[in-house]
Amino acid sequence: MASTLEGATSEFEKKDRCEGLDHRPRVLLGKMGLDGHDRGVKVIARALRDSGVHVIYSGLWQTPSSLAISARDEDCDVIAASMMSNSHLVLGPKLLEALASVGRPDLPVHMGGILPQEDIPALKEAGIAACFTTGTGLLQIVEAVKSAVKPYAERIESGHPTAQLARDISMAHEERAVRKDAKRRRPKRVFGFTGAPGAGKSTLVAALAAEFTRRAEDDPSLGRVAVLAFDPKSPITGGALLGDRLRVDFNRLGENVYYRSLAIRGEDYHAVGDIVDLIGGANEGEKAYDTLF
């Protein structure tokens, strides 16, 4: 006779597990290739948020290049790539190559999902920092993300201008001193959007960013587009789910849009003015971010 399930099959206590770190971990959860299985990665996102981590979710069907750009622009501590399509031996090394090409070869990549044990040595040799197979506990994943956190350095070793902008924003957001030679300029066009959850703000901003980028292809003097997106922190753990960027098609827009997600508590955000000016001053001429949403 079948028994009735009356309780949760597992328990996961919601609490801040990130105390004592240099800063709250920022992890990019990504799905590359044609893999459409996302239930597991969403469970992991929730567990990380409920442990005090700031989680950026890229959405489905990313390329190694789009995932690398997202990780750099978000100044992540680690990329967590979920692989369920047997493409890990191809896409894993390509992701590492893409990270080097966008100025962040130092970012560790963790990979989990359907990973045959015999493939793990090849992944490790290619440069994947950690591999997680089926049966890995949620707390193991949380601890692995925490272990990837390193103290913020004022300057990015590669010197890549966009990677450096991402770090400047992190420093300002953390109320730390930004490097003295960081340039500041107010973008020519700054638009603000607010509204109730689910009203369509992220979808609208994504459409506007794509349209401005299309127009700039015909008129390069318009410059490039940047997006600054805010989501609330958990009042219990301090963690956050930052999923606005999944509305933007970075497979098509690539480097033409700079997108940064930040978690805040309440509405009184003191650093927004300085961050806006850092974005505006990061580049000049046709590469300048002259439009900010």
C-alpha atoms as a PDB file:
ATOM      1  CA  MET A   1       0.000   0.000   0.000  1.00  0.00           C
ATOM      2  CA  ALA A   2       1.400   3.398  -0.992  1.00  0.00           C
ATOM      3  CA  SER A   3       2.167   5.788   1.850  1.00  0.00           C
ATOM      4  CA  THR A   4       1.093   9.437   1.879  1.00  0.00           C
ATOM      5  CA  LEU A   5       3.800  12.107   1.817  1.00  0.00           C
ATOM      6  CA  GLU A   6       2.960  14.495   4.643  1.00  0.00           C
ATOM      7  CA  GLY A   7       6.129  16.551   5.031  1.00  0.00           C
ATOM      8  CA  ALA A   8       9.103  17.992   3.224  1.00  0.00           C
ATOM      9  CA  THR A   9      11.539  15.458   1.807  1.00  0.00           C
ATOM     10  CA  SER A  10      14.421  17.641   2.962  1.00  0.00           C
ATOM     11  CA  GLU A  11      14.906  20.600   5.249  1.00  0.00           C
ATOM     12  CA  PHE A  12      17.006  23.666   4.490  1.00  0.00           C
ATOM     13  CA  GLU A  13      17.172  26.311   7.181  1.00  0.00           C
ATOM     14  CA  LYS A  14      16.983  29.878   5.920  1.00  0.00           C
ATOM     15  CA  LYS A  15      19.816  31.801   7.600  1.00  0.00           C
ATOM     16  CA  ASP A  16      22.822  33.978   6.807  1.00  0.00           C
ATOM     17  CA  ARG A  17      25.785  31.656   6.246  1.00  0.00           C
ATOM     18  CA  CYS A  18      28.096  34.362   4.851  1.00  0.00           C
ATOM     19  CA  GLU A  19      29.134  36.207   7.983  1.00  0.00           C
ATOM     20  CA  GLY A  20      32.832  36.976   8.235  1.00  0.00           C
ATOM     21  CA  LEU A  21      33.504  37.084   4.479  1.00  0.00           C
ATOM     22  CA  ASP A  22      35.079  40.116   2.777  1.00  0.00           C
ATOM     23  CA  HIS A  23      31.778  40.706   0.971  1.00  0.00           C
ATOM     24  CA  ARG A  24      28.634  38.805   0.165  1.00  0.00           C
ATOM     25  CA  PRO A  25      29.362  36.186  -2.495  1.00  0.00           C
ATOM     26  CA  ARG A  26      28.192  37.020  -6.003  1.00  0.00           C
ATOM     27  CA  VAL A  27      27.584  33.908  -8.084  1.00  0.00           C
ATOM     28  CA  LEU A  28      26.444  33.682 -11.697  1.00  0.00           C
ATOM     29  CA  LEU A  29      24.253  30.652 -12.364  1.00  0.00           C
ATOM     30  CA  GLY A  30      24.403  29.803 -16.050  1.00  0.00           C
ATOM     31  CA  LYS A  31      22.999  27.344 -18.565  1.00  0.00           C
ATOM     32  CA  MET A  32      24.949  26.966 -21.807  1.00  0.00           C
ATOM     33  CA  GLY A  33      23.954  25.348 -25.069  1.00  0.00           C
ATOM     34  CA  LEU A  34      20.564  23.808 -25.825  1.00  0.00           C
ATOM     35  CA  ASP A  35      20.047  22.443 -22.312  1.00  0.00           C
ATOM     36  CA  GLY A  36      16.545  23.435 -21.185  1.00  0.00           C
ATOM     37  CA  HIS A  37      16.526  21.659 -17.813  1.00  0.00           C
ATOM     38  CA  ASP A  38      16.368  24.454 -15.256  1.00  0.00           C
ATOM     39  CA  ARG A  39      14.491  23.073 -12.239  1.00  0.00           C
ATOM     40  CA  GLY A  40      17.696  22.033 -10.480  1.00  0.00           C
ATOM     41  CA  VAL A  41      19.482  25.337 -11.040  1.00  0.00           C
ATOM     42  CA  LYS A  42      16.474  27.199  -9.635  1.00  0.00           C
ATOM     43  CA  VAL A  43      16.541  25.049  -6.495  1.00  0.00           C
ATOM     44  CA  ILE A  44      20.231  25.907  -6.112  1.00  0.00           C
ATOM     45  CA  ALA A  45      19.500  29.606  -6.667  1.00  0.00           C
ATOM     46  CA  ARG A  46      16.945  29.560  -3.865  1.00  0.00           C
ATOM     47  CA  ALA A  47      19.280  27.711  -1.486  1.00  0.00           C
ATOM     48  CA  LEU A  48      22.091  30.173  -2.146  1.00  0.00           C
ATOM     49  CA  ARG A  49      19.802  33.175  -1.681  1.00  0.00           C
ATOM     50  CA  ASP A  50      18.518  31.648   1.554  1.00  0.00           C
ATOM     51  CA  SER A  51      22.144  31.387   2.729  1.00  0.00           C
ATOM     52  CA  GLY A  52      22.952  35.064   2.171  1.00  0.00           C
ATOM     53  CA  VAL A  53      24.447  34.839  -1.337  1.00  0.00           C
ATOM     54  CA  HIS A  54      23.695  37.317  -4.132  1.00  0.00           C
ATOM     55  CA  VAL A  55      22.624  35.145  -7.061  1.00  0.00           C
ATOM     56  CA  ILE A  56      22.611  36.335 -10.676  1.00  0.00           C
ATOM     57  CA  TYR A  57      20.707  34.024 -13.009  1.00  0.00           C
ATOM     58  CA  SER A  58      21.579  34.244 -16.704  1.00  0.00           C
ATOM     59  CA  GLY A  59      18.636  32.259 -18.024  1.00  0.00           C
ATOM     60  CA  LEU A  60      18.670  29.442 -20.567  1.00  0.00           C
ATOM     61  CA  TRP A  61      20.562  28.934 -23.830  1.00  0.00           C
ATOM     62  CA  GLN A  62      23.636  31.023 -23.150  1.00  0.00           C
ATOM     63  CA  THR A  63      26.873  30.771 -25.108  1.00  0.00           C
ATOM     64  CA  PRO A  64      30.286  30.619 -23.432  1.00  0.00           C
ATOM     65  CA  SER A  65      30.859  34.193 -24.624  1.00  0.00           C
ATOM     66  CA  SER A  66      27.593  35.597 -23.244  1.00  0.00           C
ATOM     67  CA  LEU A  67      28.150  33.849 -19.911  1.00  0.00           C
ATOM     68  CA  ALA A  68      31.699  35.205 -19.656  1.00  0.00           C
ATOM     69  CA  ILE A  69      30.529  38.747 -20.424  1.00  0.00           C
ATOM     70  CA  SER A  70      27.816  38.458 -17.773  1.00  0.00           C
ATOM     71  CA  ALA A  71      30.257  37.189 -15.139  1.00  0.00           C
ATOM     72  CA  ARG A  72      32.721  39.986 -15.883  1.00  0.00           C
ATOM     73  CA  ASP A  73      30.125  42.765 -15.928  1.00  0.00           C
ATOM     74  CA  GLU A  74      28.553  41.524 -12.687  1.00  0.00           C
ATOM     75  CA  ASP A  75      31.994  41.206 -11.018  1.00  0.00           C
ATOM     76  CA  CYS A  76      31.111  37.708  -9.842  1.00  0.00           C
ATOM     77  CA  ASP A  77      33.221  35.686  -7.460  1.00  0.00           C
ATOM     78  CA  VAL A  78      32.424  32.430  -9.248  1.00  0.00           C
ATOM     79  CA  ILE A  79      30.447  31.012 -12.172  1.00  0.00           C
ATOM     80  CA  ALA A  80      28.269  27.986 -11.452  1.00  0.00           C
ATOM     81  CA  ALA A  81      27.487  26.261 -14.756  1.00  0.00           C
ATOM     82  CA  SER A  82      24.673  23.722 -14.784  1.00  0.00           C
ATOM     83  CA  MET A  83      25.237  21.066 -17.466  1.00  0.00           C
ATOM     84  CA  MET A  84      22.606  18.458 -18.323  1.00  0.00           C
ATOM     85  CA  SER A  85      23.161  18.000 -22.060  1.00  0.00           C
ATOM     86  CA  ASN A  86      26.433  16.040 -22.291  1.00  0.00           C
ATOM     87  CA  SER A  87      28.235  19.069 -23.726  1.00  0.00           C
ATOM     88  CA  HIS A  88      30.421  19.773 -20.693  1.00  0.00           C
ATOM     89  CA  LEU A  89      33.693  18.647 -22.285  1.00  0.00           C
ATOM     90  CA  VAL A  90      33.181  21.099 -25.151  1.00  0.00           C
ATOM     91  CA  LEU A  91      31.514  24.091 -23.489  1.00  0.00           C
ATOM     92  CA  GLY A  92      33.533  24.049 -20.255  1.00  0.00           C
ATOM     93  CA  PRO A  93      36.903  24.783 -21.913  1.00  0.00           C
ATOM     94  CA  LYS A  94      35.243  27.284 -24.266  1.00  0.00           C
ATOM     95  CA  LEU A  95      33.881  29.168 -21.250  1.00  0.00           C
ATOM     96  CA  LEU A  96      37.368  29.393 -19.761  1.00  0.00           C
ATOM     97  CA  GLU A  97      38.707  30.714 -23.076  1.00  0.00           C
ATOM     98  CA  ALA A  98      35.911  33.279 -23.214  1.00  0.00           C
ATOM     99  CA  LEU A  99      36.680  34.482 -19.683  1.00  0.00           C
ATOM    100  CA  ALA A 100      40.287  35.112 -20.689  1.00  0.00           C
ATOM    101  CA  SER A 101      39.177  37.031 -23.783  1.00  0.00           C
ATOM    102  CA  VAL A 102      36.927  39.391 -21.773  1.00  0.00           C
ATOM    103  CA  GLY A 103      39.544  40.190 -19.153  1.00  0.00           C
ATOM    104  CA  ARG A 104      38.671  37.811 -16.299  1.00  0.00           C
ATOM    105  CA  PRO A 105      40.806  34.672 -16.646  1.00  0.00           C
ATOM    106  CA  ASP A 106      40.993  34.589 -12.845  1.00  0.00           C
ATOM    107  CA  LEU A 107      37.300  33.811 -12.316  1.00  0.00           C
ATOM    108  CA  PRO A 108      36.767  30.239 -11.075  1.00  0.00           C
ATOM    109  CA  VAL A 109      34.208  28.053 -12.825  1.00  0.00           C
ATOM    110  CA  HIS A 110      32.246  25.421 -10.925  1.00  0.00           C
ATOM    111  CA  MET A 111      30.312  22.872 -12.954  1.00  0.00           C
ATOM    112  CA  GLY A 112      27.526  20.566 -11.862  1.00  0.00           C
ATOM    113  CA  GLY A 113      24.849  18.309 -13.271  1.00  0.00           C
ATOM    114  CA  ILE A 114      25.080  15.078 -15.250  1.00  0.00           C
ATOM    115  CA  LEU A 115      28.860  14.713 -15.216  1.00  0.00           C
ATOM    116  CA  PRO A 116      30.211  11.180 -15.716  1.00  0.00           C
ATOM    117  CA  GLN A 117      32.955  10.383 -13.221  1.00  0.00           C
ATOM    118  CA  GLU A 118      35.352   9.493 -16.039  1.00  0.00           C
ATOM    119  CA  ASP A 119      35.020  13.031 -17.485  1.00  0.00           C
ATOM    120  CA  ILE A 120      35.897  14.893 -14.292  1.00  0.00           C
ATOM    121  CA  PRO A 121      39.712  14.551 -14.613  1.00  0.00           C
ATOM    122  CA  ALA A 122      39.545  16.098 -18.095  1.00  0.00           C
ATOM    123  CA  LEU A 123      37.417  18.979 -16.800  1.00  0.00           C
ATOM    124  CA  LYS A 124      39.811  19.611 -13.921  1.00  0.00           C
ATOM    125  CA  GLU A 125      42.797  19.492 -16.281  1.00  0.00           C
ATOM    126  CA  ALA A 126      41.081  22.023 -18.559  1.00  0.00           C
ATOM    127  CA  GLY A 127      40.762  24.426 -15.624  1.00  0.00           C
ATOM    128  CA  ILE A 128      37.316  23.819 -14.112  1.00  0.00           C
ATOM    129  CA  ALA A 129      37.787  24.589 -10.419  1.00  0.00           C
ATOM    130  CA  ALA A 130      35.167  22.222  -8.974  1.00  0.00           C
ATOM    131  CA  CYS A 131      32.764  19.563 -10.244  1.00  0.00           C
ATOM    132  CA  PHE A 132      29.518  18.497  -8.582  1.00  0.00           C
ATOM    133  CA  THR A 133      27.700  15.329  -9.576  1.00  0.00           C
ATOM    134  CA  THR A 134      24.217  14.085  -8.748  1.00  0.00           C
ATOM    135  CA  GLY A 135      23.686  13.631  -5.030  1.00  0.00           C
ATOM    136  CA  THR A 136      25.693  16.697  -3.994  1.00  0.00           C
ATOM    137  CA  GLY A 137      24.073  18.400  -1.005  1.00  0.00           C
ATOM    138  CA  LEU A 138      22.924  22.011  -1.103  1.00  0.00           C
ATOM    139  CA  LEU A 139      25.160  22.959   1.815  1.00  0.00           C
ATOM    140  CA  GLN A 140      28.176  21.606  -0.084  1.00  0.00           C
ATOM    141  CA  ILE A 141      27.350  23.964  -2.939  1.00  0.00           C
ATOM    142  CA  VAL A 142      26.903  26.892  -0.551  1.00  0.00           C
ATOM    143  CA  GLU A 143      30.287  26.213   1.059  1.00  0.00           C
ATOM    144  CA  ALA A 144      31.971  25.939  -2.350  1.00  0.00           C
ATOM    145  CA  VAL A 145      30.603  29.338  -3.365  1.00  0.00           C
ATOM    146  CA  LYS A 146      31.754  30.876  -0.090  1.00  0.00           C
ATOM    147  CA  SER A 147      35.248  29.439  -0.551  1.00  0.00           C
ATOM    148  CA  ALA A 148      35.555  31.279  -3.886  1.00  0.00           C
ATOM    149  CA  VAL A 149      35.253  34.707  -2.241  1.00  0.00           C
ATOM    150  CA  LYS A 150      38.483  36.694  -2.173  1.00  0.00           C
ATOM    151  CA  PRO A 151      38.995  40.208  -0.784  1.00  0.00           C
ATOM    152  CA  TYR A 152      38.270  42.873  -3.373  1.00  0.00           C
ATOM    153  CA  ALA A 153      41.406  44.301  -4.956  1.00  0.00           C
ATOM    154  CA  GLU A 154      41.155  47.901  -6.085  1.00  0.00           C
ATOM    155  CA  ARG A 155      42.399  47.039  -9.567  1.00  0.00           C
ATOM    156  CA  ILE A 156      41.665  44.135 -11.896  1.00  0.00           C
ATOM    157  CA  GLU A 157      44.894  42.392 -12.859  1.00  0.00           C
ATOM    158  CA  SER A 158      44.103  42.201 -16.586  1.00  0.00           C
ATOM    159  CA  GLY A 159      43.477  45.947 -16.808  1.00  0.00           C
ATOM    160  CA  HIS A 160      40.456  45.356 -19.053  1.00  0.00           C
ATOM    161  CA  PRO A 161      38.410  48.605 -18.912  1.00  0.00           C
ATOM    162  CA  THR A 162      34.996  46.955 -18.571  1.00  0.00           C
ATOM    163  CA  ALA A 163      36.243  44.519 -15.952  1.00  0.00           C
ATOM    164  CA  GLN A 164      37.719  47.481 -14.082  1.00  0.00           C
ATOM    165  CA  LEU A 165      34.407  49.353 -14.289  1.00  0.00           C
ATOM    166  CA  ALA A 166      32.691  46.336 -12.752  1.00  0.00           C
ATOM    167  CA  ARG A 167      35.152  46.362  -9.852  1.00  0.00           C
ATOM    168  CA  ASP A 168      34.790  50.136  -9.383  1.00  0.00           C
ATOM    169  CA  ILE A 169      31.032  49.644  -9.054  1.00  0.00           C
ATOM    170  CA  SER A 170      31.563  46.871  -6.506  1.00  0.00           C
ATOM    171  CA  MET A 171      33.808  49.116  -4.438  1.00  0.00           C
ATOM    172  CA  ALA A 172      31.314  51.994  -4.510  1.00  0.00           C
ATOM    173  CA  HIS A 173      28.428  49.662  -3.681  1.00  0.00           C
ATOM    174  CA  GLU A 174      30.361  48.291  -0.699  1.00  0.00           C
ATOM    175  CA  GLU A 175      31.095  51.855   0.497  1.00  0.00           C
ATOM    176  CA  ARG A 176      34.817  51.414  -0.096  1.00  0.00           C
ATOM    177  CA  ALA A 177      37.264  53.821  -1.672  1.00  0.00           C
ATOM    178  CA  VAL A 178      37.288  53.614  -5.466  1.00  0.00           C
ATOM    179  CA  ARG A 179      40.708  53.919  -7.155  1.00  0.00           C
ATOM    180  CA  LYS A 180      41.799  57.559  -7.353  1.00  0.00           C
ATOM    181  CA  ASP A 181      42.189  57.631 -11.144  1.00  0.00           C
ATOM    182  CA  ALA A 182      38.659  56.377 -11.867  1.00  0.00           C
ATOM    183  CA  LYS A 183      36.958  58.798 -14.257  1.00  0.00           C
ATOM    184  CA  ARG A 184      33.448  60.053 -13.646  1.00  0.00           C
ATOM    185  CA  ARG A 185      30.964  61.615 -16.043  1.00  0.00           C
ATOM    186  CA  ARG A 186      27.189  61.759 -16.077  1.00  0.00           C
ATOM    187  CA  PRO A 187      25.831  59.871 -19.141  1.00  0.00           C
ATOM    188  CA  LYS A 188      24.024  62.042 -21.682  1.00  0.00           C
ATOM    189  CA  ARG A 189      20.732  60.202 -21.220  1.00  0.00           C
ATOM    190  CA  VAL A 190      19.623  58.675 -17.907  1.00  0.00           C
ATOM    191  CA  PHE A 191      16.192  57.042 -17.624  1.00  0.00           C
ATOM    192  CA  GLY A 192      14.619  55.701 -14.439  1.00  0.00           C
ATOM    193  CA  PHE A 193      11.880  53.071 -14.223  1.00  0.00           C
ATOM    194  CA  THR A 194       9.947  51.937 -11.188  1.00  0.00           C
ATOM    195  CA  GLY A 195       6.757  50.046 -10.530  1.00  0.00           C
ATOM    196  CA  ALA A 196       5.143  47.087  -8.836  1.00  0.00           C
ATOM    197  CA  PRO A 197       6.750  43.631  -9.097  1.00  0.00           C
ATOM    198  CA  GLY A 198       5.709  41.910 -12.304  1.00  0.00           C
ATOM    199  CA  ALA A 199       4.702  45.126 -14.056  1.00  0.00           C
ATOM    200  CA  GLY A 200       7.175  44.476 -16.875  1.00  0.00           C
ATOM    201  CA  LYS A 201      10.009  46.859 -16.011  1.00  0.00           C
ATOM    202  CA  SER A 202      12.810  44.444 -16.912  1.00  0.00           C
ATOM    203  CA  THR A 203      11.145  43.437 -20.171  1.00  0.00           C
ATOM    204  CA  LEU A 204      10.655  47.088 -21.150  1.00  0.00           C
ATOM    205  CA  VAL A 205      14.248  48.016 -20.308  1.00  0.00           C
ATOM    206  CA  ALA A 206      15.559  45.025 -22.270  1.00  0.00           C
ATOM    207  CA  ALA A 207      13.540  46.089 -25.322  1.00  0.00           C
ATOM    208  CA  LEU A 208      14.750  49.687 -25.029  1.00  0.00           C
ATOM    209  CA  ALA A 209      18.374  48.594 -24.658  1.00  0.00           C
ATOM    210  CA  ALA A 210      18.077  46.454 -27.786  1.00  0.00           C
ATOM    211  CA  GLU A 211      16.459  49.290 -29.751  1.00  0.00           C
ATOM    212  CA  PHE A 212      19.042  51.883 -28.677  1.00  0.00           C
ATOM    213  CA  THR A 213      21.791  49.444 -29.639  1.00  0.00           C
ATOM    214  CA  ARG A 214      20.205  48.911 -33.055  1.00  0.00           C
ATOM    215  CA  ARG A 215      20.050  52.667 -33.646  1.00  0.00           C
ATOM    216  CA  ALA A 216      23.667  53.087 -32.557  1.00  0.00           C
ATOM    217  CA  GLU A 217      24.701  50.669 -35.303  1.00  0.00           C
ATOM    218  CA  ASP A 218      23.421  53.244 -37.809  1.00  0.00           C
ATOM    219  CA  ASP A 219      24.644  56.228 -35.776  1.00  0.00           C
ATOM    220  CA  PRO A 220      27.732  55.328 -33.680  1.00  0.00           C
ATOM    221  CA  SER A 221      27.744  58.818 -32.151  1.00  0.00           C
ATOM    222  CA  LEU A 222      24.886  57.646 -29.900  1.00  0.00           C
ATOM    223  CA  GLY A 223      27.395  55.587 -27.928  1.00  0.00           C
ATOM    224  CA  ARG A 224      26.597  52.406 -26.052  1.00  0.00           C
ATOM    225  CA  VAL A 225      23.924  51.429 -23.537  1.00  0.00           C
ATOM    226  CA  ALA A 226      24.235  50.498 -19.859  1.00  0.00           C
ATOM    227  CA  VAL A 227      21.612  49.128 -17.488  1.00  0.00           C
ATOM    228  CA  LEU A 228      21.669  49.391 -13.699  1.00  0.00           C
ATOM    229  CA  ALA A 229      19.104  47.052 -12.126  1.00  0.00           C
ATOM    230  CA  PHE A 230      18.162  46.897  -8.440  1.00  0.00           C
ATOM    231  CA  ASP A 231      16.500  44.083  -6.528  1.00  0.00           C
ATOM    232  CA  PRO A 232      15.766  43.764  -2.803  1.00  0.00           C
ATOM    233  CA  LYS A 233      17.864  41.884  -0.287  1.00  0.00           C
ATOM    234  CA  SER A 234      16.273  39.269   1.915  1.00  0.00           C
ATOM    235  CA  PRO A 235      15.575  40.856   5.320  1.00  0.00           C
ATOM    236  CA  ILE A 236      16.375  37.490   6.916  1.00  0.00           C
ATOM    237  CA  THR A 237      19.594  36.374   5.214  1.00  0.00           C
ATOM    238  CA  GLY A 238      20.824  39.409   3.268  1.00  0.00           C
ATOM    239  CA  GLY A 239      20.829  37.260   0.128  1.00  0.00           C
ATOM    240  CA  ALA A 240      19.206  38.227  -3.162  1.00  0.00           C
ATOM    241  CA  LEU A 241      17.957  36.779  -6.434  1.00  0.00           C
ATOM    242  CA  LEU A 242      19.066  39.059  -9.276  1.00  0.00           C
ATOM    243  CA  GLY A 243      17.354  37.822 -12.413  1.00  0.00           C
ATOM    244  CA  ASP A 244      16.619  40.960 -14.441  1.00  0.00           C
ATOM    245  CA  ARG A 245      19.436  40.392 -16.930  1.00  0.00           C
ATOM    246  CA  LEU A 246      17.846  37.197 -18.280  1.00  0.00           C
ATOM    247  CA  ARG A 247      15.451  39.456 -20.241  1.00  0.00           C
ATOM    248  CA  VAL A 248      18.364  40.711 -22.371  1.00  0.00           C
ATOM    249  CA  ASP A 249      19.600  38.666 -25.335  1.00  0.00           C
ATOM    250  CA  PHE A 250      23.349  38.849 -24.720  1.00  0.00           C
ATOM    251  CA  ASN A 251      23.907  36.208 -27.384  1.00  0.00           C
ATOM    252  CA  ARG A 252      23.029  38.971 -29.857  1.00  0.00           C
ATOM    253  CA  LEU A 253      24.000  42.189 -28.058  1.00  0.00           C
ATOM    254  CA  GLY A 254      27.290  40.979 -26.572  1.00  0.00           C
ATOM    255  CA  GLU A 255      29.590  43.856 -25.603  1.00  0.00           C
ATOM    256  CA  ASN A 256      27.172  46.542 -26.815  1.00  0.00           C
ATOM    257  CA  VAL A 257      25.255  46.621 -23.516  1.00  0.00           C
ATOM    258  CA  TYR A 258      26.748  46.817 -20.034  1.00  0.00           C
ATOM    259  CA  TYR A 259      24.348  45.326 -17.479  1.00  0.00           C
ATOM    260  CA  ARG A 260      24.862  45.405 -13.721  1.00  0.00           C
ATOM    261  CA  SER A 261      22.566  43.946 -11.064  1.00  0.00           C
ATOM    262  CA  LEU A 262      22.740  45.140  -7.460  1.00  0.00           C
ATOM    263  CA  ALA A 263      20.913  44.167  -4.286  1.00  0.00           C
ATOM    264  CA  ILE A 264      19.728  46.889  -1.931  1.00  0.00           C
ATOM    265  CA  ARG A 265      17.686  47.139   1.237  1.00  0.00           C
ATOM    266  CA  GLY A 266      14.940  49.745   1.218  1.00  0.00           C
ATOM    267  CA  GLU A 267      14.804  52.742  -1.123  1.00  0.00           C
ATOM    268  CA  ASP A 268      17.469  55.075   0.271  1.00  0.00           C
ATOM    269  CA  TYR A 269      20.438  54.098  -1.862  1.00  0.00           C
ATOM    270  CA  HIS A 270      23.285  56.546  -1.324  1.00  0.00           C
ATOM    271  CA  ALA A 271      25.786  55.182  -3.877  1.00  0.00           C
ATOM    272  CA  VAL A 272      23.622  55.297  -7.005  1.00  0.00           C
ATOM    273  CA  GLY A 273      24.836  58.750  -8.100  1.00  0.00           C
ATOM    274  CA  ASP A 274      28.501  57.771  -7.936  1.00  0.00           C
ATOM    275  CA  ILE A 275      27.859  54.480  -9.747  1.00  0.00           C
ATOM    276  CA  VAL A 276      26.008  56.299 -12.538  1.00  0.00           C
ATOM    277  CA  ASP A 277      28.968  58.664 -12.950  1.00  0.00           C
ATOM    278  CA  LEU A 278      31.471  55.783 -12.932  1.00  0.00           C
ATOM    279  CA  ILE A 279      29.547  54.116 -15.759  1.00  0.00           C
ATOM    280  CA  GLY A 280      29.505  57.359 -17.730  1.00  0.00           C
ATOM    281  CA  GLY A 281      33.224  57.946 -17.259  1.00  0.00           C
ATOM    282  CA  ALA A 282      34.399  54.424 -18.063  1.00  0.00           C
ATOM    283  CA  ASN A 283      34.823  54.988 -21.813  1.00  0.00           C
ATOM    284  CA  GLU A 284      34.967  57.802 -24.334  1.00  0.00           C
ATOM    285  CA  GLY A 285      33.759  58.439 -27.870  1.00  0.00           C
ATOM    286  CA  GLU A 286      31.720  55.742 -29.587  1.00  0.00           C
ATOM    287  CA  LYS A 287      32.484  53.284 -26.770  1.00  0.00           C
ATOM    288  CA  ALA A 288      31.058  55.588 -24.095  1.00  0.00           C
ATOM    289  CA  TYR A 289      27.956  54.525 -22.205  1.00  0.00           C
ATOM    290  CA  ASP A 290      25.889  57.565 -23.156  1.00  0.00           C
ATOM    291  CA  THR A 291      22.502  55.989 -22.425  1.00  0.00           C
ATOM    292  CA  LEU A 292      21.723  54.504 -19.019  1.00  0.00           C
ATOM    293  CA  PHE A 293      18.536  52.782 -17.946  1.00  0.00           C
END
